[in-house]
């Protein structure tokens, strides 16, 4: 077992999420892979020796090791401000800070999908993994952070497999997906029109995208958030005066402006339905106050749901959802305590077990060949088989971020330092 008291005492998480920060700030802090890479560079230049940046749709946070949480907070705030084009004062009161065991608990909760807007969303674990890979690529990882992310990932896997947290609609977004599938079936052939890109509207759109919807039209101004969202969803932006035309293409409409009064009247929707030859439109009014006239829901072929309607659907599954959340938190607390006590080191990591099995198969193949009787020949053949498989995989992945991450991991694992390692 490993004594983690020293590393835990230096563990700090600083960031912005849907609980700590306003929508305006979070819009500015939206980060893709390139942005995270630049942010890591700024953190390194500011004196942080290691860091993992976790960027999801509702958070941007930095995990690091340091003797002073106050110093980390100042470094992170400045890096966030410089990266997002904000004034440092803009972030006053907008960032959360966790230290020690509470910081570890936070990382476990995030990785187990319990701390986001959509409990049970499996994509969050992929985003945590991507953040760790970027850290490795930038040589900003550390063994203590690697161990924490690994233990949190293992616990997150258990949560999704054992707790049932993703089994029923547990949020407005998942309720919306269930409705969309009920109305349209396969979402891959649908077009979603987005009116505005408010927080809840973006949440619904991202969830629909994750469940197969790929055609998006964003109606509104080409501001930073809209452009970033359109790029991520593979959509296009049309001006507000193109709303009527966009409606004729909408199988699903997600509206989240909430600032201009009624934007879609029953007359507007009826005209669109006629052009669509009565093909059904599912409308989600995620704005407060609403963007869509309630009478639209009375039209044949139109299905209108506002936030209250979605909340009622969620409440139907609330009892099972609460039970799943309780089970999920029990798994997180159990995994966290094992990590804190170092008991996770006593268990073989699943990928190591899989590697052991693969090597045993290769060893058996070598020993079964004529050269297997000679130690020198057997070990040479064994190495040749391993390196052949590895080289083939690296050539296959020889594009984009994946190959770089694999190479960085190999160099770190085997102590390879330069371009001509011996």
Protein backbone atom coordinates (compact mmCIF):
# COMPACT_ATOMS: atom_id res chain seq x y z
CA UNK A 1 0.00 0.00 0.00
CA UNK A 2 1.05 3.58 -0.65
CA UNK A 3 1.00 6.34 1.96
CA UNK A 4 -0.76 9.19 0.18
CA UNK A 5 -0.89 11.64 3.07
CA UNK A 6 1.91 13.76 1.59
CA UNK A 7 0.48 14.03 -1.93
CA UNK A 8 -3.05 14.55 -0.63
CA UNK A 9 -1.94 17.44 1.53
CA UNK A 10 -0.66 19.20 -1.62
CA UNK A 11 -3.61 18.34 -3.86
CA UNK A 12 -5.51 21.41 -5.10
CA UNK A 13 -8.38 21.84 -7.58
CA UNK A 14 -9.35 25.32 -8.79
CA UNK A 15 -11.93 25.96 -11.47
CA UNK A 16 -15.26 27.27 -12.71
CA UNK A 17 -18.40 25.18 -13.05
CA UNK A 18 -22.18 25.55 -13.21
CA UNK A 19 -22.33 25.98 -9.43
CA UNK A 20 -19.58 28.55 -8.96
CA UNK A 21 -19.74 30.74 -12.04
CA UNK A 22 -22.20 32.84 -14.01
CA UNK A 23 -23.27 31.91 -17.52
CA UNK A 24 -21.39 34.91 -18.95
CA UNK A 25 -18.09 33.73 -17.43
CA UNK A 26 -18.60 30.09 -18.41
CA UNK A 27 -19.30 31.13 -21.99
CA UNK A 28 -15.92 32.84 -22.08
CA UNK A 29 -14.18 29.82 -20.56
CA UNK A 30 -15.42 27.26 -23.09
CA UNK A 31 -12.28 25.32 -24.05
CA UNK A 32 -11.39 22.81 -26.75
CA UNK A 33 -8.22 20.73 -26.98
CA UNK A 34 -6.11 23.50 -28.46
CA UNK A 35 -7.26 25.94 -25.80
CA UNK A 36 -6.43 23.44 -23.06
CA UNK A 37 -2.96 22.96 -24.55
CA UNK A 38 -2.37 26.74 -24.47
CA UNK A 39 -3.71 26.90 -20.92
CA UNK A 40 -1.28 24.18 -19.83
CA UNK A 41 1.55 26.22 -21.35
CA UNK A 42 0.53 29.29 -19.36
CA UNK A 43 0.29 27.29 -16.15
CA UNK A 44 3.75 25.84 -16.74
CA UNK A 45 5.22 29.28 -17.46
CA UNK A 46 3.62 30.57 -14.24
CA UNK A 47 5.45 27.99 -12.17
CA UNK A 48 3.16 24.98 -11.84
CA UNK A 49 5.22 21.84 -12.23
CA UNK A 50 2.26 19.59 -12.95
CA UNK A 51 -1.39 20.04 -13.88
CA UNK A 52 -4.37 18.30 -15.43
CA UNK A 53 -7.02 20.50 -17.03
CA UNK A 54 -10.57 19.12 -17.11
CA UNK A 55 -12.78 20.85 -19.68
CA UNK A 56 -16.41 19.79 -20.18
CA UNK A 57 -19.52 21.61 -21.34
CA UNK A 58 -20.12 22.98 -17.85
CA UNK A 59 -16.65 23.28 -16.30
CA UNK A 60 -13.03 24.32 -16.71
CA UNK A 61 -10.80 23.32 -13.82
CA UNK A 62 -7.17 22.67 -12.97
CA UNK A 63 -5.91 19.81 -10.82
CA UNK A 64 -2.37 20.22 -9.45
CA UNK A 65 0.03 19.65 -6.56
CA UNK A 66 1.22 22.68 -4.62
CA UNK A 67 1.98 23.81 -1.07
CA UNK A 68 -0.27 26.88 -1.33
CA UNK A 69 -3.89 26.79 -2.53
CA UNK A 70 -3.89 30.60 -2.56
CA UNK A 71 -0.91 30.67 -4.93
CA UNK A 72 -2.57 28.10 -7.20
CA UNK A 73 -5.78 30.13 -7.25
CA UNK A 74 -3.91 33.25 -8.35
CA UNK A 75 -1.99 31.37 -11.04
CA UNK A 76 -5.12 29.66 -12.39
CA UNK A 77 -7.19 32.85 -12.33
CA UNK A 78 -4.54 34.71 -14.32
CA UNK A 79 -4.19 31.84 -16.81
CA UNK A 80 -7.99 31.65 -17.25
CA UNK A 81 -8.21 35.42 -17.76
CA UNK A 82 -5.38 35.49 -20.32
CA UNK A 83 -6.74 32.48 -22.20
CA UNK A 84 -10.34 33.75 -22.32
CA UNK A 85 -9.61 37.44 -22.83
CA UNK A 86 -11.05 38.42 -19.45
CA UNK A 87 -9.95 40.92 -16.84
CA UNK A 88 -8.65 39.31 -13.67
CA UNK A 89 -11.38 41.10 -11.67
CA UNK A 90 -14.02 39.37 -13.82
CA UNK A 91 -13.16 36.09 -12.07
CA UNK A 92 -13.56 37.43 -8.52
CA UNK A 93 -16.00 35.13 -6.73
CA UNK A 94 -16.37 32.93 -9.81
CA UNK A 95 -13.92 30.13 -8.98
CA UNK A 96 -14.20 27.20 -6.58
CA UNK A 97 -11.26 25.80 -4.60
CA UNK A 98 -10.84 22.33 -3.08
CA UNK A 99 -7.85 21.05 -1.14
CA UNK A 100 -6.63 17.69 0.13
CA UNK A 101 -9.17 14.92 0.47
CA UNK A 102 -12.02 17.22 -0.62
CA UNK A 103 -10.13 17.85 -3.86
CA UNK A 104 -9.75 14.10 -4.39
CA UNK A 105 -13.45 13.57 -3.66
CA UNK A 106 -14.29 16.24 -6.24
CA UNK A 107 -12.18 14.51 -8.91
CA UNK A 108 -13.84 11.17 -8.13
CA UNK A 109 -17.31 12.78 -8.31
CA UNK A 110 -16.57 14.50 -11.63
CA UNK A 111 -15.15 11.33 -13.17
CA UNK A 112 -18.11 9.32 -11.86
CA UNK A 113 -20.42 11.82 -13.65
CA UNK A 114 -22.05 12.94 -10.38
CA UNK A 115 -20.97 16.58 -10.40
CA UNK A 116 -22.24 17.75 -13.80
CA UNK A 117 -25.51 18.95 -15.24
CA UNK A 118 -26.24 15.45 -16.56
CA UNK A 119 -25.66 12.76 -13.90
CA UNK A 120 -24.67 9.51 -15.55
CA UNK A 121 -23.33 11.09 -18.76
CA UNK A 122 -20.54 8.67 -19.84
CA UNK A 123 -18.89 11.28 -22.06
CA UNK A 124 -17.58 13.12 -19.00
CA UNK A 125 -15.17 10.27 -18.30
CA UNK A 126 -13.87 10.59 -21.87
CA UNK A 127 -13.30 14.31 -21.30
CA UNK A 128 -11.39 13.65 -18.08
CA UNK A 129 -9.30 11.05 -19.90
CA UNK A 130 -8.63 13.52 -22.74
CA UNK A 131 -7.50 16.14 -20.23
CA UNK A 132 -5.07 13.68 -18.68
CA UNK A 133 -3.72 12.71 -22.10
CA UNK A 134 -3.09 16.37 -22.94
CA UNK A 135 -1.23 16.71 -19.64
CA UNK A 136 0.97 13.73 -20.51
CA UNK A 137 1.64 15.12 -23.99
CA UNK A 138 2.66 18.46 -22.48
CA UNK A 139 4.89 16.71 -19.90
CA UNK A 140 2.77 18.30 -17.16
CA UNK A 141 1.64 15.07 -15.52
CA UNK A 142 2.97 13.61 -12.26
CA UNK A 143 2.81 10.09 -10.78
CA UNK A 144 0.51 11.31 -7.99
CA UNK A 145 -1.94 12.85 -10.46
CA UNK A 146 -1.72 9.78 -12.72
CA UNK A 147 -2.64 7.57 -9.77
CA UNK A 148 -5.55 9.81 -8.78
CA UNK A 149 -6.99 9.96 -12.31
CA UNK A 150 -6.56 6.20 -12.69
CA UNK A 151 -8.32 5.42 -9.40
CA UNK A 152 -11.11 7.89 -10.19
CA UNK A 153 -11.57 6.37 -13.66
CA UNK A 154 -11.84 2.87 -12.21
CA UNK A 155 -14.42 4.04 -9.68
CA UNK A 156 -16.30 5.93 -12.39
CA UNK A 157 -16.52 2.75 -14.43
CA UNK A 158 -17.99 0.94 -11.42
CA UNK A 159 -20.54 3.73 -10.89
CA UNK A 160 -21.84 3.50 -14.45
CA UNK A 161 -21.92 -0.30 -14.42
CA UNK A 162 -23.25 -0.95 -10.92
CA UNK A 163 -25.38 2.00 -9.78
CA UNK A 164 -27.96 2.20 -12.56
CA UNK A 165 -27.50 5.99 -12.67
CA UNK A 166 -27.97 6.16 -16.45
CA UNK A 167 -30.86 3.71 -16.65
CA UNK A 168 -33.78 6.21 -16.58
CA UNK A 169 -34.26 9.89 -17.39
CA UNK A 170 -32.50 11.63 -14.52
CA UNK A 171 -32.33 15.12 -16.00
CA UNK A 172 -34.19 17.44 -18.31
CA UNK A 173 -31.71 16.62 -21.08
CA UNK A 174 -32.18 12.87 -20.93
CA UNK A 175 -35.96 13.34 -20.76
CA UNK A 176 -35.71 15.41 -23.95
CA UNK A 177 -33.76 12.64 -25.69
CA UNK A 178 -36.40 10.07 -24.73
CA UNK A 179 -39.12 12.32 -26.15
CA UNK A 180 -37.15 12.88 -29.36
CA UNK A 181 -36.75 9.15 -29.85
CA UNK A 182 -40.46 8.58 -29.15
CA UNK A 183 -41.46 11.14 -31.81
CA UNK A 184 -38.78 10.58 -34.46
CA UNK A 185 -37.13 7.22 -33.70
CA UNK A 186 -33.64 7.27 -35.22
CA UNK A 187 -32.17 10.71 -34.50
CA UNK A 188 -29.40 10.40 -37.08
CA UNK A 189 -31.77 11.43 -39.87
CA UNK A 190 -33.20 14.44 -37.97
CA UNK A 191 -32.39 18.15 -38.18
CA UNK A 192 -32.29 20.25 -35.03
CA UNK A 193 -32.79 24.02 -35.19
CA UNK A 194 -31.43 25.96 -32.23
CA UNK A 195 -32.83 29.38 -31.44
CA UNK A 196 -30.12 30.94 -29.28
CA UNK A 197 -27.44 29.08 -27.35
CA UNK A 198 -28.44 29.60 -23.72
CA UNK A 199 -27.18 27.22 -21.06
CA UNK A 200 -30.13 24.84 -21.06
CA UNK A 201 -30.53 25.00 -24.83
CA UNK A 202 -26.88 24.04 -25.29
CA UNK A 203 -27.29 21.23 -22.78
CA UNK A 204 -30.26 19.77 -24.66
CA UNK A 205 -28.50 20.11 -28.02
CA UNK A 206 -25.30 18.45 -26.80
CA UNK A 207 -27.26 15.55 -25.35
CA UNK A 208 -29.23 15.07 -28.58
CA UNK A 209 -25.92 15.14 -30.45
CA UNK A 210 -24.46 12.45 -28.20
CA UNK A 211 -27.42 10.22 -28.97
CA UNK A 212 -27.05 10.40 -32.73
CA UNK A 213 -28.37 13.75 -33.98
CA UNK A 214 -25.79 15.31 -36.31
CA UNK A 215 -27.58 18.03 -38.33
CA UNK A 216 -27.80 21.38 -36.54
CA UNK A 217 -28.86 24.87 -37.64
CA UNK A 218 -28.16 27.67 -35.15
CA UNK A 219 -30.34 30.76 -35.58
CA UNK A 220 -28.93 34.01 -34.19
CA UNK A 221 -25.83 36.15 -34.10
CA UNK A 222 -22.45 34.58 -34.88
CA UNK A 223 -21.06 35.28 -31.39
CA UNK A 224 -18.20 33.30 -29.80
CA UNK A 225 -20.43 30.79 -28.06
CA UNK A 226 -22.60 30.15 -31.12
CA UNK A 227 -19.56 29.75 -33.37
CA UNK A 228 -17.88 27.36 -30.95
CA UNK A 229 -21.06 25.32 -30.51
CA UNK A 230 -21.70 25.17 -34.25
CA UNK A 231 -18.16 23.92 -34.79
CA UNK A 232 -18.46 21.25 -32.11
CA UNK A 233 -21.87 20.04 -33.31
CA UNK A 234 -20.99 20.25 -37.00
CA UNK A 235 -23.76 22.80 -37.59
CA UNK A 236 -24.15 26.11 -39.38
CA UNK A 237 -25.32 29.55 -38.27
CA UNK A 238 -28.09 31.52 -39.98
CA UNK A 239 -29.21 35.06 -39.07
CA UNK A 240 -32.38 35.71 -37.08
CA UNK A 241 -34.28 36.78 -40.20
CA UNK A 242 -33.81 33.25 -41.50
CA UNK A 243 -35.87 31.73 -38.65
CA UNK A 244 -39.01 31.07 -40.73
CA UNK A 245 -37.04 29.21 -43.40
CA UNK A 246 -35.09 27.26 -40.77
CA UNK A 247 -38.33 26.14 -39.14
CA UNK A 248 -39.36 24.35 -42.32
CA UNK A 249 -36.28 22.12 -41.90
CA UNK A 250 -36.74 21.52 -38.16
CA UNK A 251 -37.59 18.04 -36.97
CA UNK A 252 -36.59 19.27 -33.51
CA UNK A 253 -36.44 22.86 -32.29
CA UNK A 254 -34.54 23.89 -29.16
CA UNK A 255 -35.19 27.49 -28.10
CA UNK A 256 -33.33 29.22 -25.26
CA UNK A 257 -33.21 32.98 -25.90
CA UNK A 258 -35.71 34.19 -23.30
CA UNK A 259 -35.13 37.89 -23.95
CA UNK A 260 -37.31 38.98 -26.88
CA UNK A 261 -40.81 37.83 -25.96
CA UNK A 262 -42.66 35.32 -28.14
CA UNK A 263 -40.55 34.48 -31.18
CA UNK A 264 -42.50 31.51 -32.52
CA UNK A 265 -46.26 32.04 -32.73
CA UNK A 266 -48.88 29.49 -33.67
CA UNK A 267 -49.12 31.21 -37.10
CA UNK A 268 -45.35 30.86 -37.63
CA UNK A 269 -45.39 27.20 -36.63
CA UNK A 270 -48.48 26.43 -38.69
CA UNK A 271 -46.86 27.91 -41.80
CA UNK A 272 -43.76 25.78 -41.23
CA UNK A 273 -45.86 22.62 -40.77
CA UNK A 274 -47.67 23.28 -44.05
CA UNK A 275 -44.33 23.62 -45.86
CA UNK A 276 -43.17 20.40 -44.21
CA UNK A 277 -46.34 18.66 -45.44
CA UNK A 278 -47.37 18.06 -41.81
CA UNK A 279 -44.17 16.23 -40.90
CA UNK A 280 -43.99 16.45 -37.10
CA UNK A 281 -41.99 19.04 -35.20
CA UNK A 282 -40.86 18.49 -31.61
CA UNK A 283 -40.29 21.83 -29.88
CA UNK A 284 -38.38 22.35 -26.62
CA UNK A 285 -38.84 25.79 -25.07
CA UNK A 286 -35.90 26.01 -22.67
CA UNK A 287 -36.16 29.79 -22.26
CA UNK A 288 -37.34 31.74 -19.21
CA UNK A 289 -39.55 33.55 -20.11
CA UNK A 290 -40.60 31.28 -22.97
CA UNK A 291 -39.85 31.92 -26.63
CA UNK A 292 -42.73 29.83 -28.03
CA UNK A 293 -46.45 30.56 -27.82
CA UNK A 294 -48.24 27.84 -25.85
CA UNK A 295 -50.90 27.54 -28.56
CA UNK A 296 -48.25 25.99 -30.81
CA UNK A 297 -48.63 22.77 -28.83
CA UNK A 298 -52.26 22.54 -29.94
CA UNK A 299 -51.37 22.36 -33.63
CA UNK A 300 -51.56 18.99 -35.35
CA UNK A 301 -48.05 17.70 -35.87
CA UNK A 302 -46.48 19.97 -33.23
CA UNK A 303 -45.32 18.68 -29.83
CA UNK A 304 -44.32 21.46 -27.42
CA UNK A 305 -42.54 20.94 -24.08
CA UNK A 306 -41.26 23.66 -21.79
CA UNK A 307 -39.01 23.22 -18.75
CA UNK A 308 -41.96 22.48 -16.46
CA UNK A 309 -43.15 19.72 -18.78
CA UNK A 310 -39.68 18.17 -18.85
CA UNK A 311 -39.38 18.43 -15.08
CA UNK A 312 -42.67 16.55 -14.68
CA UNK A 313 -41.33 13.75 -16.88
CA UNK A 314 -38.15 13.64 -14.81
CA UNK A 315 -40.17 13.44 -11.58
CA UNK A 316 -41.85 10.26 -12.81
CA UNK A 317 -38.46 8.55 -12.59
CA UNK A 318 -37.16 10.49 -9.59
CA UNK A 319 -37.47 7.68 -7.02
CA UNK A 320 -35.34 5.29 -9.06
CA UNK A 321 -32.96 8.13 -9.92
CA UNK A 322 -32.46 9.04 -6.27
CA UNK A 323 -31.75 5.41 -5.42
CA UNK A 324 -29.21 5.26 -8.26
CA UNK A 325 -27.54 8.45 -7.04
CA UNK A 326 -27.26 7.07 -3.51
CA UNK A 327 -25.71 3.86 -4.85
CA UNK A 328 -23.34 5.86 -7.03
CA UNK A 329 -22.15 8.02 -4.12
CA UNK A 330 -21.56 4.91 -1.99
CA UNK A 331 -19.30 3.55 -4.73
CA UNK A 332 -17.47 6.89 -4.99
CA UNK A 333 -16.90 7.09 -1.22
CA UNK A 334 -15.68 3.49 -1.17
CA UNK A 335 -13.31 4.09 -4.09
CA UNK A 336 -12.08 7.34 -2.56
CA UNK A 337 -11.29 5.71 0.79
CA UNK A 338 -9.41 2.90 -0.96
CA UNK A 339 -7.38 5.49 -2.84
CA UNK A 340 -6.68 7.59 0.28
CA UNK A 341 -5.49 4.53 2.18
CA UNK A 342 -3.45 3.36 -0.82
CA UNK A 343 -5.40 0.11 -1.07
CA UNK A 344 -5.92 0.59 -4.80
CA UNK A 345 -2.21 -0.15 -5.28
CA UNK A 346 -2.78 -3.64 -3.89
CA UNK A 347 -5.19 -4.43 -6.73
CA UNK A 348 -3.97 -5.03 -10.24
CA UNK A 349 -5.15 -2.26 -12.58
CA UNK A 350 -7.47 -3.81 -15.21
CA UNK A 351 -5.33 -2.75 -18.18
CA UNK A 352 -2.26 -4.30 -16.51
CA UNK A 353 -4.18 -7.55 -16.08
CA UNK A 354 -5.15 -7.47 -19.75
CA UNK A 355 -1.52 -6.78 -20.71
CA UNK A 356 -0.38 -9.70 -18.55
CA UNK A 357 -2.80 -12.03 -20.35
CA UNK A 358 -1.66 -10.78 -23.76
CA UNK A 359 2.01 -11.30 -22.88
CA UNK A 360 1.27 -14.81 -21.61
CA UNK A 361 -0.29 -15.63 -24.97
CA UNK A 362 2.77 -14.28 -26.82
CA UNK A 363 5.08 -16.18 -24.46
CA UNK A 364 3.19 -19.39 -25.15
CA UNK A 365 3.45 -18.82 -28.91
CA UNK A 366 7.22 -18.33 -28.63
CA UNK A 367 7.78 -21.40 -26.47
CA UNK A 368 5.75 -23.51 -28.91
CA UNK A 369 8.15 -22.68 -31.76
CA UNK A 370 11.45 -24.50 -32.40
CA UNK A 371 13.47 -21.46 -31.24
CA UNK A 372 11.64 -21.60 -27.91
CA UNK A 373 14.03 -24.19 -26.50
CA UNK A 374 16.94 -21.74 -26.60
CA UNK A 375 16.78 -18.85 -24.10
CA UNK A 376 18.50 -16.30 -26.35
CA UNK A 377 16.37 -17.15 -29.36
CA UNK A 378 13.20 -17.27 -27.30
CA UNK A 379 13.71 -13.86 -25.70
CA UNK A 380 14.69 -12.32 -29.05
CA UNK A 381 11.57 -13.71 -30.70
CA UNK A 382 9.43 -12.59 -27.75
CA UNK A 383 10.74 -9.02 -28.06
CA UNK A 384 10.23 -9.08 -31.81
CA UNK A 385 6.57 -10.05 -31.40
CA UNK A 386 5.91 -7.33 -28.82
CA UNK A 387 7.62 -4.58 -30.81
CA UNK A 388 5.95 -5.65 -34.05
CA UNK A 389 2.48 -5.30 -32.51
CA UNK A 390 3.45 -2.00 -30.91
CA UNK A 391 4.95 -0.56 -34.10
CA UNK A 392 1.89 -1.56 -36.07
CA UNK A 393 -0.41 0.20 -33.62
CA UNK A 394 1.71 3.35 -33.60
CA UNK A 395 1.71 3.46 -37.41
CA UNK A 396 -2.07 3.03 -37.40
CA UNK A 397 -2.45 5.93 -34.94
CA UNK A 398 0.21 8.03 -36.70
CA UNK A 399 -2.03 11.10 -37.01
CA UNK A 400 -3.62 13.55 -34.60
CA UNK A 401 -3.37 13.73 -30.85
CA UNK A 402 -3.69 9.99 -30.18
CA UNK A 403 -0.28 9.04 -31.55
CA UNK A 404 1.46 11.82 -29.65
CA UNK A 405 -0.21 10.78 -26.44
CA UNK A 406 0.76 7.11 -26.93
CA UNK A 407 4.37 8.04 -27.64
CA UNK A 408 4.53 10.36 -24.61
CA UNK A 409 3.14 7.60 -22.38
CA UNK A 410 5.67 5.06 -23.68
CA UNK A 411 8.55 7.46 -23.09
CA UNK A 412 7.40 8.12 -19.54
CA UNK A 413 6.78 4.45 -18.69
CA UNK A 414 10.18 3.22 -19.96
CA UNK A 415 12.31 6.25 -19.13
CA UNK A 416 12.95 7.22 -22.76
CA UNK A 417 14.07 10.84 -23.00
CA UNK A 418 15.44 11.89 -26.39
CA UNK A 419 14.76 11.36 -30.04
CA UNK A 420 17.58 8.75 -30.24
CA UNK A 421 16.90 6.66 -27.16
CA UNK A 422 19.18 3.76 -26.47
